[in-house]
N, C-alpha and C. Protein backbone atom coordinates (compact mmCIF):
# COMPACT_ATOMS: atom_id res chain seq x y z
N MET A 1 0.82 -1.21 0.00
CA MET A 1 0.00 0.00 0.00
C MET A 1 0.86 1.26 0.00
N GLY A 2 1.96 1.23 0.72
CA GLY A 2 2.88 2.36 0.72
C GLY A 2 2.43 3.48 1.63
N PHE A 3 3.16 4.56 1.58
CA PHE A 3 2.94 5.70 2.47
C PHE A 3 1.62 6.39 2.14
N GLN A 4 0.77 6.56 3.16
CA GLN A 4 -0.56 7.13 2.98
C GLN A 4 -0.70 8.56 3.50
N GLY A 5 0.39 9.12 3.99
CA GLY A 5 0.32 10.47 4.54
C GLY A 5 0.19 10.44 6.05
N PHE A 6 0.00 11.62 6.63
CA PHE A 6 -0.12 11.75 8.08
C PHE A 6 -1.53 12.21 8.44
N SER A 7 -2.09 11.59 9.47
CA SER A 7 -3.46 11.89 9.90
C SER A 7 -3.45 12.84 11.10
N GLU A 8 -4.64 13.33 11.46
CA GLU A 8 -4.76 14.18 12.65
C GLU A 8 -4.27 13.44 13.90
N SER A 9 -4.53 12.14 13.94
CA SER A 9 -4.12 11.37 15.13
C SER A 9 -2.60 11.28 15.25
N ASP A 10 -1.89 11.38 14.13
CA ASP A 10 -0.42 11.39 14.20
C ASP A 10 0.08 12.64 14.92
N PHE A 11 -0.53 13.76 14.62
CA PHE A 11 -0.14 15.01 15.29
C PHE A 11 -0.59 15.02 16.76
N SER A 12 -1.70 14.31 17.03
CA SER A 12 -2.21 14.25 18.41
C SER A 12 -1.32 13.44 19.34
N VAL A 13 -0.40 12.66 18.78
CA VAL A 13 0.54 11.88 19.60
C VAL A 13 1.26 12.79 20.60
N PHE A 14 1.52 14.02 20.18
CA PHE A 14 2.31 14.92 21.03
C PHE A 14 1.50 15.53 22.18
N LYS A 15 0.22 15.15 22.24
CA LYS A 15 -0.61 15.56 23.38
C LYS A 15 -0.69 14.45 24.42
N ILE A 16 -0.16 13.29 24.11
CA ILE A 16 -0.18 12.16 25.06
C ILE A 16 0.75 12.47 26.23
N GLU A 17 0.22 12.32 27.43
CA GLU A 17 1.02 12.57 28.63
C GLU A 17 1.88 11.35 28.94
N GLY A 18 3.05 11.60 29.52
CA GLY A 18 3.91 10.51 29.96
C GLY A 18 4.94 10.11 28.92
N PHE A 19 6.16 9.90 29.37
CA PHE A 19 7.26 9.58 28.46
C PHE A 19 7.03 8.26 27.74
N GLU A 20 6.81 7.18 28.49
CA GLU A 20 6.67 5.86 27.88
C GLU A 20 5.46 5.81 26.96
N GLU A 21 4.37 6.42 27.38
CA GLU A 21 3.14 6.39 26.58
C GLU A 21 3.34 7.11 25.25
N ARG A 22 3.96 8.28 25.29
CA ARG A 22 4.17 9.02 24.04
C ARG A 22 5.19 8.32 23.15
N MET A 23 6.25 7.81 23.75
CA MET A 23 7.26 7.10 22.96
C MET A 23 6.67 5.87 22.30
N GLU A 24 5.80 5.16 23.00
CA GLU A 24 5.17 3.97 22.41
C GLU A 24 4.32 4.36 21.21
N ALA A 25 3.58 5.47 21.32
CA ALA A 25 2.76 5.94 20.20
C ALA A 25 3.64 6.37 19.03
N ILE A 26 4.75 7.04 19.31
CA ILE A 26 5.67 7.43 18.24
C ILE A 26 6.21 6.19 17.53
N ARG A 27 6.62 5.19 18.31
CA ARG A 27 7.18 3.97 17.71
C ARG A 27 6.14 3.21 16.89
N LYS A 28 4.93 3.12 17.39
CA LYS A 28 3.91 2.29 16.73
C LYS A 28 3.18 3.02 15.61
N GLN A 29 3.00 4.32 15.78
CA GLN A 29 2.13 5.05 14.87
C GLN A 29 2.89 5.87 13.84
N ILE A 30 3.95 6.55 14.26
CA ILE A 30 4.64 7.48 13.36
C ILE A 30 5.86 6.85 12.70
N GLN A 31 6.66 6.12 13.45
CA GLN A 31 7.90 5.59 12.87
C GLN A 31 7.67 4.65 11.68
N PRO A 32 6.63 3.80 11.67
CA PRO A 32 6.41 3.00 10.45
C PRO A 32 6.18 3.87 9.22
N LYS A 33 5.49 4.99 9.40
CA LYS A 33 5.28 5.92 8.28
C LYS A 33 6.60 6.58 7.87
N PHE A 34 7.43 6.90 8.85
CA PHE A 34 8.74 7.46 8.53
C PHE A 34 9.57 6.49 7.70
N HIS A 35 9.50 5.21 8.03
CA HIS A 35 10.26 4.22 7.26
C HIS A 35 9.72 4.10 5.83
N GLU A 36 8.40 4.12 5.69
CA GLU A 36 7.80 4.05 4.35
C GLU A 36 8.17 5.28 3.52
N LEU A 37 7.94 6.44 4.08
CA LEU A 37 8.24 7.69 3.39
C LEU A 37 9.74 7.85 3.18
N GLY A 38 10.51 7.58 4.23
CA GLY A 38 11.94 7.82 4.20
C GLY A 38 12.68 6.95 3.21
N SER A 39 12.25 5.70 3.06
CA SER A 39 12.94 4.82 2.12
C SER A 39 12.78 5.32 0.68
N VAL A 40 11.59 5.81 0.36
CA VAL A 40 11.36 6.37 -0.98
C VAL A 40 12.15 7.66 -1.16
N LEU A 41 12.07 8.55 -0.18
CA LEU A 41 12.78 9.83 -0.29
C LEU A 41 14.29 9.64 -0.37
N THR A 42 14.82 8.70 0.41
CA THR A 42 16.27 8.49 0.43
C THR A 42 16.77 8.06 -0.94
N ASP A 43 16.02 7.19 -1.60
CA ASP A 43 16.40 6.77 -2.96
C ASP A 43 16.37 7.96 -3.92
N MET A 44 15.33 8.77 -3.81
CA MET A 44 15.19 9.93 -4.71
C MET A 44 16.30 10.94 -4.47
N VAL A 45 16.61 11.20 -3.21
CA VAL A 45 17.65 12.17 -2.88
C VAL A 45 19.02 11.65 -3.31
N SER A 46 19.26 10.35 -3.14
CA SER A 46 20.53 9.75 -3.56
C SER A 46 20.79 9.99 -5.04
N VAL A 47 19.75 9.78 -5.85
CA VAL A 47 19.88 10.00 -7.29
C VAL A 47 20.15 11.47 -7.57
N GLU A 48 19.44 12.34 -6.88
CA GLU A 48 19.54 13.78 -7.14
C GLU A 48 20.91 14.34 -6.76
N VAL A 49 21.48 13.89 -5.64
CA VAL A 49 22.79 14.43 -5.22
C VAL A 49 23.95 13.66 -5.85
N GLY A 50 23.67 12.48 -6.40
CA GLY A 50 24.71 11.70 -7.05
C GLY A 50 25.59 10.91 -6.11
N ASN A 51 25.14 10.77 -4.85
CA ASN A 51 25.86 9.97 -3.86
C ASN A 51 24.85 9.17 -3.05
N GLU A 52 25.30 8.05 -2.50
CA GLU A 52 24.39 7.26 -1.68
C GLU A 52 24.09 8.00 -0.38
N MET A 53 22.80 8.06 -0.06
CA MET A 53 22.33 8.69 1.17
C MET A 53 21.67 7.62 2.04
N TYR A 54 21.57 7.91 3.33
CA TYR A 54 21.11 6.90 4.28
C TYR A 54 19.99 7.45 5.15
N LEU A 55 19.02 6.59 5.42
CA LEU A 55 17.87 6.96 6.24
C LEU A 55 18.16 6.69 7.71
N HIS A 56 17.83 7.66 8.55
CA HIS A 56 17.89 7.51 10.01
C HIS A 56 16.56 7.98 10.58
N VAL A 57 16.01 7.22 11.50
CA VAL A 57 14.78 7.62 12.19
C VAL A 57 15.14 7.92 13.65
N ALA A 58 14.75 9.11 14.10
CA ALA A 58 15.11 9.55 15.46
C ALA A 58 14.63 8.55 16.51
N LYS A 59 15.54 8.18 17.39
CA LYS A 59 15.21 7.22 18.46
C LYS A 59 14.96 7.90 19.80
N HIS A 60 15.36 9.15 19.92
CA HIS A 60 15.20 9.90 21.18
C HIS A 60 15.84 9.15 22.34
N ALA A 61 16.99 8.54 22.07
CA ALA A 61 17.63 7.67 23.06
C ALA A 61 18.13 8.44 24.28
N ARG A 62 18.42 9.72 24.12
CA ARG A 62 18.93 10.50 25.25
C ARG A 62 17.82 10.91 26.21
N ARG A 63 16.60 10.78 25.78
CA ARG A 63 15.47 11.17 26.64
C ARG A 63 15.08 10.02 27.55
N LYS A 64 14.88 10.33 28.80
CA LYS A 64 14.48 9.31 29.78
C LYS A 64 13.25 9.71 30.57
N VAL A 65 12.99 11.03 30.65
CA VAL A 65 11.90 11.52 31.50
C VAL A 65 10.91 12.36 30.70
N ASN A 66 11.41 13.40 30.03
CA ASN A 66 10.53 14.32 29.30
C ASN A 66 10.22 13.77 27.91
N PRO A 67 8.95 13.60 27.58
CA PRO A 67 8.60 13.07 26.26
C PRO A 67 8.94 14.06 25.16
N PRO A 68 9.32 13.59 23.97
CA PRO A 68 9.67 14.50 22.88
C PRO A 68 8.47 15.29 22.39
N ASN A 69 8.72 16.55 22.05
CA ASN A 69 7.67 17.41 21.49
C ASN A 69 7.61 17.32 19.97
N ASP A 70 8.57 16.64 19.37
CA ASP A 70 8.59 16.43 17.93
C ASP A 70 9.35 15.15 17.65
N THR A 71 9.25 14.67 16.42
CA THR A 71 10.02 13.50 16.01
C THR A 71 10.26 13.61 14.51
N TRP A 72 11.27 12.89 14.00
CA TRP A 72 11.68 13.14 12.62
C TRP A 72 12.44 11.95 12.04
N LEU A 73 12.55 12.00 10.71
CA LEU A 73 13.50 11.16 9.99
C LEU A 73 14.58 12.08 9.45
N ALA A 74 15.75 11.52 9.23
CA ALA A 74 16.87 12.28 8.66
C ALA A 74 17.48 11.49 7.51
N ILE A 75 17.90 12.21 6.49
CA ILE A 75 18.58 11.62 5.33
C ILE A 75 19.97 12.23 5.29
N SER A 76 20.96 11.36 5.45
CA SER A 76 22.34 11.80 5.68
C SER A 76 23.29 11.11 4.72
N PRO A 77 24.44 11.74 4.42
CA PRO A 77 25.45 11.08 3.60
C PRO A 77 26.26 10.05 4.37
N ASN A 78 26.00 9.89 5.66
CA ASN A 78 26.77 8.97 6.49
C ASN A 78 25.87 7.85 7.00
N LYS A 79 26.33 6.62 6.86
CA LYS A 79 25.53 5.46 7.26
C LYS A 79 25.38 5.35 8.77
N ARG A 80 26.37 5.83 9.50
CA ARG A 80 26.39 5.63 10.95
C ARG A 80 25.60 6.68 11.73
N GLY A 81 25.36 7.84 11.12
CA GLY A 81 24.65 8.87 11.86
C GLY A 81 24.39 10.09 11.00
N TYR A 82 23.76 11.08 11.60
CA TYR A 82 23.42 12.28 10.85
C TYR A 82 23.74 13.58 11.57
N LYS A 83 23.85 13.57 12.89
CA LYS A 83 23.93 14.81 13.65
C LYS A 83 25.18 15.64 13.36
N SER A 84 26.27 14.99 13.03
CA SER A 84 27.50 15.73 12.75
C SER A 84 27.70 15.98 11.26
N HIS A 85 26.66 15.76 10.47
CA HIS A 85 26.72 15.95 9.02
C HIS A 85 25.57 16.85 8.56
N PRO A 86 25.75 17.56 7.44
CA PRO A 86 24.60 18.22 6.83
C PRO A 86 23.58 17.14 6.48
N HIS A 87 22.31 17.39 6.75
CA HIS A 87 21.32 16.36 6.46
C HIS A 87 19.96 17.01 6.21
N PHE A 88 19.07 16.21 5.65
CA PHE A 88 17.69 16.64 5.44
C PHE A 88 16.82 16.00 6.51
N GLN A 89 15.91 16.78 7.07
CA GLN A 89 14.99 16.29 8.09
C GLN A 89 13.56 16.45 7.61
N VAL A 90 12.73 15.45 7.91
CA VAL A 90 11.28 15.57 7.75
C VAL A 90 10.68 15.10 9.06
N GLY A 91 9.84 15.92 9.66
CA GLY A 91 9.31 15.52 10.95
C GLY A 91 8.05 16.26 11.33
N LEU A 92 7.55 15.93 12.52
CA LEU A 92 6.29 16.47 13.01
C LEU A 92 6.46 17.13 14.37
N PHE A 93 5.89 18.32 14.52
CA PHE A 93 5.48 18.87 15.81
C PHE A 93 3.97 18.64 15.91
N ASP A 94 3.34 19.12 16.97
CA ASP A 94 1.91 18.87 17.11
C ASP A 94 1.06 19.68 16.15
N ASP A 95 1.62 20.72 15.53
CA ASP A 95 0.81 21.58 14.67
C ASP A 95 1.36 21.77 13.26
N HIS A 96 2.48 21.12 12.93
CA HIS A 96 2.99 21.24 11.57
C HIS A 96 3.99 20.13 11.25
N LEU A 97 4.16 19.91 9.95
CA LEU A 97 5.24 19.06 9.44
C LEU A 97 6.36 19.99 9.00
N PHE A 98 7.60 19.59 9.28
CA PHE A 98 8.74 20.40 8.85
C PHE A 98 9.63 19.62 7.90
N ILE A 99 10.21 20.36 6.97
CA ILE A 99 11.18 19.83 6.01
C ILE A 99 12.40 20.74 6.09
N TRP A 100 13.53 20.20 6.48
CA TRP A 100 14.71 21.03 6.72
C TRP A 100 15.95 20.51 6.00
N LEU A 101 16.78 21.42 5.56
CA LEU A 101 18.21 21.17 5.41
C LEU A 101 18.81 21.63 6.72
N ALA A 102 19.46 20.72 7.44
CA ALA A 102 19.84 21.00 8.83
C ALA A 102 21.33 20.89 9.06
N TYR A 103 21.84 21.90 9.74
CA TYR A 103 23.19 21.89 10.30
C TYR A 103 23.00 22.10 11.80
N ILE A 104 23.05 21.02 12.58
CA ILE A 104 22.73 21.15 14.00
C ILE A 104 24.00 21.17 14.84
N TYR A 105 23.82 21.19 16.14
CA TYR A 105 24.92 21.53 17.07
C TYR A 105 26.15 20.66 16.92
N GLU A 106 26.01 19.42 16.49
CA GLU A 106 27.17 18.53 16.41
C GLU A 106 27.97 18.68 15.11
N PHE A 107 27.46 19.45 14.16
CA PHE A 107 28.19 19.65 12.90
C PHE A 107 29.48 20.42 13.20
N PRO A 108 30.66 19.89 12.82
CA PRO A 108 31.93 20.45 13.30
C PRO A 108 32.46 21.65 12.52
N ASN A 109 32.01 21.85 11.29
CA ASN A 109 32.64 22.86 10.43
C ASN A 109 31.77 24.10 10.25
N LYS A 110 31.11 24.51 11.32
CA LYS A 110 30.16 25.61 11.22
C LYS A 110 30.81 26.94 10.84
N LYS A 111 31.98 27.21 11.39
CA LYS A 111 32.65 28.49 11.10
C LYS A 111 32.97 28.60 9.62
N GLU A 112 33.57 27.55 9.05
CA GLU A 112 33.93 27.55 7.63
C GLU A 112 32.68 27.62 6.75
N LEU A 113 31.66 26.86 7.14
CA LEU A 113 30.40 26.87 6.39
C LEU A 113 29.81 28.28 6.38
N ALA A 114 29.73 28.90 7.56
CA ALA A 114 29.13 30.23 7.66
C ALA A 114 29.91 31.25 6.83
N GLU A 115 31.23 31.19 6.88
CA GLU A 115 32.04 32.12 6.10
C GLU A 115 31.78 31.95 4.60
N ASN A 116 31.71 30.72 4.16
CA ASN A 116 31.45 30.44 2.75
C ASN A 116 30.06 30.93 2.34
N PHE A 117 29.05 30.62 3.17
CA PHE A 117 27.69 31.02 2.83
C PHE A 117 27.51 32.54 2.90
N LEU A 118 28.20 33.20 3.81
CA LEU A 118 28.11 34.66 3.88
C LEU A 118 28.66 35.31 2.61
N LYS A 119 29.69 34.69 2.03
CA LYS A 119 30.25 35.21 0.78
C LYS A 119 29.26 35.09 -0.37
N HIS A 120 28.37 34.11 -0.26
CA HIS A 120 27.43 33.83 -1.35
C HIS A 120 25.98 34.07 -0.92
N LEU A 121 25.80 35.01 -0.01
CA LEU A 121 24.49 35.24 0.60
C LEU A 121 23.43 35.57 -0.45
N ASP A 122 23.74 36.47 -1.38
CA ASP A 122 22.76 36.85 -2.40
C ASP A 122 22.37 35.66 -3.26
N SER A 123 23.34 34.83 -3.62
CA SER A 123 23.06 33.66 -4.44
C SER A 123 22.15 32.68 -3.70
N ILE A 124 22.40 32.50 -2.41
CA ILE A 124 21.59 31.58 -1.62
C ILE A 124 20.16 32.10 -1.51
N ILE A 125 20.00 33.38 -1.22
CA ILE A 125 18.66 33.97 -1.12
C ILE A 125 17.91 33.80 -2.44
N ASP A 126 18.60 33.99 -3.56
CA ASP A 126 17.96 33.84 -4.87
C ASP A 126 17.46 32.42 -5.12
N LEU A 127 18.09 31.45 -4.48
CA LEU A 127 17.69 30.05 -4.67
C LEU A 127 16.42 29.69 -3.91
N LEU A 128 16.07 30.47 -2.89
CA LEU A 128 15.03 30.05 -1.95
C LEU A 128 13.68 30.68 -2.27
N PRO A 129 12.63 29.86 -2.37
CA PRO A 129 11.27 30.39 -2.59
C PRO A 129 10.80 31.25 -1.42
N ASN A 130 9.79 32.06 -1.68
CA ASN A 130 9.28 32.99 -0.67
C ASN A 130 8.64 32.30 0.53
N ASP A 131 8.18 31.06 0.35
CA ASP A 131 7.51 30.38 1.46
C ASP A 131 8.47 29.55 2.32
N PHE A 132 9.76 29.64 2.06
CA PHE A 132 10.73 28.93 2.89
C PHE A 132 10.95 29.69 4.20
N VAL A 133 11.33 28.91 5.22
CA VAL A 133 11.54 29.50 6.55
C VAL A 133 12.91 29.10 7.08
N LEU A 134 13.28 29.76 8.18
CA LEU A 134 14.61 29.63 8.76
C LEU A 134 14.48 29.41 10.26
N SER A 135 15.31 28.53 10.81
CA SER A 135 15.34 28.31 12.25
C SER A 135 16.80 28.23 12.71
N THR A 136 17.03 28.58 13.95
CA THR A 136 18.37 28.46 14.53
C THR A 136 18.39 27.50 15.72
N ASP A 137 17.30 26.73 15.87
CA ASP A 137 17.22 25.76 16.98
C ASP A 137 16.24 24.67 16.60
N HIS A 138 16.75 23.45 16.35
CA HIS A 138 15.87 22.37 15.90
C HIS A 138 14.91 21.89 16.98
N MET A 139 15.12 22.32 18.23
CA MET A 139 14.25 21.92 19.33
C MET A 139 13.01 22.81 19.44
N LYS A 140 13.01 23.93 18.73
CA LYS A 140 11.91 24.89 18.86
C LYS A 140 11.05 24.92 17.61
N LYS A 141 9.76 25.19 17.82
CA LYS A 141 8.83 25.30 16.71
C LYS A 141 9.05 26.54 15.86
N ASP A 142 9.51 27.60 16.52
CA ASP A 142 9.56 28.90 15.87
C ASP A 142 10.42 28.89 14.61
N ALA A 143 9.95 29.62 13.61
CA ALA A 143 10.73 29.79 12.39
C ALA A 143 10.40 31.16 11.81
N LEU A 144 11.36 31.72 11.09
CA LEU A 144 11.21 33.03 10.47
C LEU A 144 11.23 32.89 8.95
N PRO A 145 10.54 33.78 8.23
CA PRO A 145 10.68 33.78 6.78
C PRO A 145 12.16 33.98 6.40
N VAL A 146 12.58 33.33 5.34
CA VAL A 146 13.98 33.47 4.92
C VAL A 146 14.14 34.81 4.20
N LYS A 147 14.63 35.78 4.94
CA LYS A 147 14.98 37.09 4.39
C LYS A 147 16.49 37.26 4.51
N LYS A 148 17.04 38.12 3.66
CA LYS A 148 18.50 38.27 3.63
C LYS A 148 19.07 38.66 4.99
N ASP A 149 18.43 39.62 5.68
CA ASP A 149 19.00 40.07 6.95
C ASP A 149 18.91 38.99 8.02
N GLU A 150 17.81 38.22 8.02
CA GLU A 150 17.66 37.15 9.01
C GLU A 150 18.68 36.03 8.76
N LEU A 151 18.87 35.67 7.48
CA LEU A 151 19.84 34.63 7.16
C LEU A 151 21.25 35.10 7.50
N GLU A 152 21.53 36.35 7.23
CA GLU A 152 22.86 36.89 7.56
C GLU A 152 23.12 36.82 9.06
N LYS A 153 22.12 37.21 9.87
CA LYS A 153 22.27 37.13 11.33
C LYS A 153 22.48 35.69 11.78
N ALA A 154 21.72 34.77 11.19
CA ALA A 154 21.84 33.36 11.57
C ALA A 154 23.22 32.81 11.21
N LEU A 155 23.77 33.23 10.07
CA LEU A 155 25.09 32.76 9.66
C LEU A 155 26.20 33.35 10.52
N ILE A 156 26.05 34.61 10.89
CA ILE A 156 27.04 35.22 11.80
C ILE A 156 27.03 34.49 13.14
N ARG A 157 25.84 34.18 13.63
CA ARG A 157 25.74 33.43 14.89
C ARG A 157 26.35 32.04 14.74
N LEU A 158 26.10 31.41 13.59
CA LEU A 158 26.66 30.08 13.33
C LEU A 158 28.18 30.12 13.35
N LYS A 159 28.72 31.21 12.86
CA LYS A 159 30.18 31.39 12.81
C LYS A 159 30.77 31.61 14.20
N GLN A 160 30.02 32.25 15.08
CA GLN A 160 30.58 32.71 16.35
C GLN A 160 30.20 31.86 17.56
N VAL A 161 29.08 31.16 17.50
CA VAL A 161 28.56 30.44 18.68
C VAL A 161 28.70 28.94 18.47
N LYS A 162 29.37 28.29 19.38
CA LYS A 162 29.71 26.88 19.23
C LYS A 162 28.49 25.98 19.03
N LYS A 163 27.42 26.25 19.77
CA LYS A 163 26.23 25.39 19.71
C LYS A 163 25.16 25.92 18.77
N ALA A 164 25.51 26.89 17.96
CA ALA A 164 24.53 27.47 17.03
C ALA A 164 24.10 26.44 15.99
N GLU A 165 22.92 26.64 15.44
CA GLU A 165 22.38 25.75 14.42
C GLU A 165 21.82 26.58 13.27
N LEU A 166 21.66 25.92 12.14
CA LEU A 166 21.03 26.54 10.98
C LEU A 166 20.14 25.51 10.31
N LEU A 167 18.86 25.86 10.15
CA LEU A 167 17.91 25.00 9.46
C LEU A 167 17.14 25.85 8.47
N ILE A 168 17.06 25.39 7.24
CA ILE A 168 16.35 26.11 6.17
C ILE A 168 15.39 25.13 5.52
N GLY A 169 14.15 25.57 5.30
CA GLY A 169 13.21 24.67 4.66
C GLY A 169 11.79 25.19 4.67
N LYS A 170 10.87 24.28 5.03
CA LYS A 170 9.46 24.60 4.86
C LYS A 170 8.64 23.99 5.99
N HIS A 171 7.58 24.71 6.39
CA HIS A 171 6.59 24.19 7.34
C HIS A 171 5.27 23.97 6.60
N ILE A 172 4.60 22.87 6.92
CA ILE A 172 3.26 22.61 6.38
C ILE A 172 2.32 22.44 7.57
N PRO A 173 1.32 23.32 7.73
CA PRO A 173 0.41 23.21 8.88
C PRO A 173 -0.30 21.86 8.91
N SER A 174 -0.57 21.38 10.11
CA SER A 174 -1.19 20.06 10.28
C SER A 174 -2.59 19.99 9.67
N THR A 175 -3.19 21.15 9.40
CA THR A 175 -4.53 21.19 8.81
C THR A 175 -4.52 21.12 7.28
N ASN A 176 -3.34 21.18 6.67
CA ASN A 176 -3.25 21.19 5.21
C ASN A 176 -3.65 19.81 4.66
N PRO A 177 -4.64 19.75 3.76
CA PRO A 177 -5.12 18.46 3.25
C PRO A 177 -4.05 17.63 2.54
N ILE A 178 -3.00 18.26 2.03
CA ILE A 178 -1.97 17.50 1.32
C ILE A 178 -1.30 16.47 2.23
N LEU A 179 -1.34 16.71 3.53
CA LEU A 179 -0.72 15.77 4.47
C LEU A 179 -1.42 14.42 4.48
N ARG A 180 -2.67 14.37 4.04
CA ARG A 180 -3.43 13.11 4.01
C ARG A 180 -3.23 12.34 2.70
N ASP A 181 -2.53 12.94 1.76
CA ASP A 181 -2.31 12.33 0.44
C ASP A 181 -0.83 11.94 0.33
N GLY A 182 -0.55 10.66 0.53
CA GLY A 182 0.84 10.21 0.59
C GLY A 182 1.65 10.54 -0.65
N LYS A 183 1.05 10.32 -1.82
CA LYS A 183 1.78 10.56 -3.07
C LYS A 183 2.08 12.05 -3.25
N ALA A 184 1.06 12.87 -3.08
CA ALA A 184 1.25 14.32 -3.26
C ALA A 184 2.21 14.88 -2.23
N LEU A 185 2.11 14.38 -1.00
CA LEU A 185 3.01 14.87 0.06
C LEU A 185 4.45 14.47 -0.23
N THR A 186 4.65 13.23 -0.66
CA THR A 186 6.00 12.78 -1.00
C THR A 186 6.61 13.66 -2.09
N GLU A 187 5.80 13.98 -3.10
CA GLU A 187 6.28 14.83 -4.19
C GLU A 187 6.62 16.24 -3.70
N LEU A 188 5.79 16.77 -2.79
CA LEU A 188 6.05 18.11 -2.25
C LEU A 188 7.32 18.12 -1.40
N ILE A 189 7.49 17.11 -0.58
CA ILE A 189 8.69 17.03 0.26
C ILE A 189 9.93 16.92 -0.62
N PHE A 190 9.87 16.07 -1.64
CA PHE A 190 11.03 15.92 -2.51
C PHE A 190 11.33 17.21 -3.27
N ALA A 191 10.28 17.89 -3.74
CA ALA A 191 10.49 19.16 -4.44
C ALA A 191 11.15 20.18 -3.51
N THR A 192 10.76 20.17 -2.24
CA THR A 192 11.37 21.09 -1.26
C THR A 192 12.84 20.74 -1.06
N ILE A 193 13.12 19.46 -0.87
CA ILE A 193 14.51 19.02 -0.69
C ILE A 193 15.34 19.34 -1.94
N LYS A 194 14.75 19.09 -3.10
CA LYS A 194 15.45 19.37 -4.36
C LYS A 194 15.85 20.84 -4.44
N GLY A 195 14.98 21.72 -3.94
CA GLY A 195 15.29 23.14 -3.93
C GLY A 195 16.41 23.51 -2.97
N LEU A 196 16.65 22.63 -2.00
CA LEU A 196 17.71 22.86 -1.01
C LEU A 196 19.04 22.20 -1.38
N ILE A 197 19.02 21.31 -2.35
CA ILE A 197 20.22 20.56 -2.70
C ILE A 197 21.37 21.46 -3.18
N PRO A 198 21.12 22.54 -3.96
CA PRO A 198 22.26 23.41 -4.30
C PRO A 198 22.96 23.99 -3.07
N ILE A 199 22.21 24.27 -2.02
CA ILE A 199 22.83 24.77 -0.78
C ILE A 199 23.55 23.63 -0.08
N TYR A 200 22.92 22.46 -0.04
CA TYR A 200 23.58 21.27 0.52
C TYR A 200 24.91 21.01 -0.19
N ASN A 201 24.89 21.07 -1.52
CA ASN A 201 26.13 20.86 -2.28
C ASN A 201 27.16 21.94 -1.97
N GLY A 202 26.67 23.15 -1.65
CA GLY A 202 27.57 24.24 -1.29
C GLY A 202 28.29 24.03 0.03
N THR A 203 27.84 23.05 0.81
CA THR A 203 28.56 22.69 2.03
C THR A 203 29.93 22.13 1.69
N PHE A 204 29.99 21.45 0.56
CA PHE A 204 31.21 20.73 0.18
C PHE A 204 32.02 21.47 -0.88
N ALA A 205 31.37 22.40 -1.57
CA ALA A 205 32.06 23.22 -2.58
C ALA A 205 31.34 24.56 -2.63
N LYS A 206 31.97 25.54 -3.16
CA LYS A 206 31.38 26.87 -3.17
C LYS A 206 30.03 26.85 -3.89
N VAL A 207 29.08 27.59 -3.31
CA VAL A 207 27.79 27.74 -3.97
C VAL A 207 28.01 28.44 -5.30
N HIS A 208 27.40 27.89 -6.34
CA HIS A 208 27.61 28.46 -7.67
C HIS A 208 26.96 29.84 -7.77
N THR A 209 27.66 30.73 -8.41
CA THR A 209 27.12 32.08 -8.61
C THR A 209 26.92 32.33 -10.09
C-alpha cells in the first residue's frame, strides 16, 4: 500500500502525557510511516545528489523523562549517523510538518560553512522560494521567513557560537489536506529538498554564482 500520509491522530501523539506512553505511540504510529516515506525519499535524494544517502529515524535515546515534542526522519550522507553531518529532516510537531536542510549543534565545520555562505548570501537567497523558513534551533517550533537580513544574522551566529544551528526549509500546517495524500506529500517534500540541494552541495564546494 505504501505511504498514505499523516493523519490528525499522528499530530495528536504529542498531546499524550507521559514519556513511555508518548514514545510507544511514536514507535507504533509514526515511525512506520517514517520508514515508508523515508525509504522512498532516500532513494530519490541519492539519485539527485549523485551519492548514496542513508535513512535515520530519530530514536530519542537520550530522553528518559521528558517526552519529545517532535520527532523526525533524517537523510544523511553517512551510514552511521546524521547529527555531525549536513542532512535533510522531515518531521512532526503537534501543529505542523517540517522539512529542513539541517546543520545542527554537532556539525563540526560551522565556522567555515558560515564564512562560505556569507560570501554567497545573495546567491543563496535567490535560490530560496518565498515560502521557505529559517530556524536556529531544531528543538523549537519557531521559524522566520527566509529574508536576507535574518539569514545573515543566523550565519554570523553560526560562525561565532559553538552550539549554534542553521535549518532552512518549509513548514506545512497540520490542517493542510496535502498531508493526508501520501503521493502528493512525497512529491512536495522531494520538491522542497530538491530546492535545497544546491545549498547542501555548497557545504562541500562553493555555492555556484
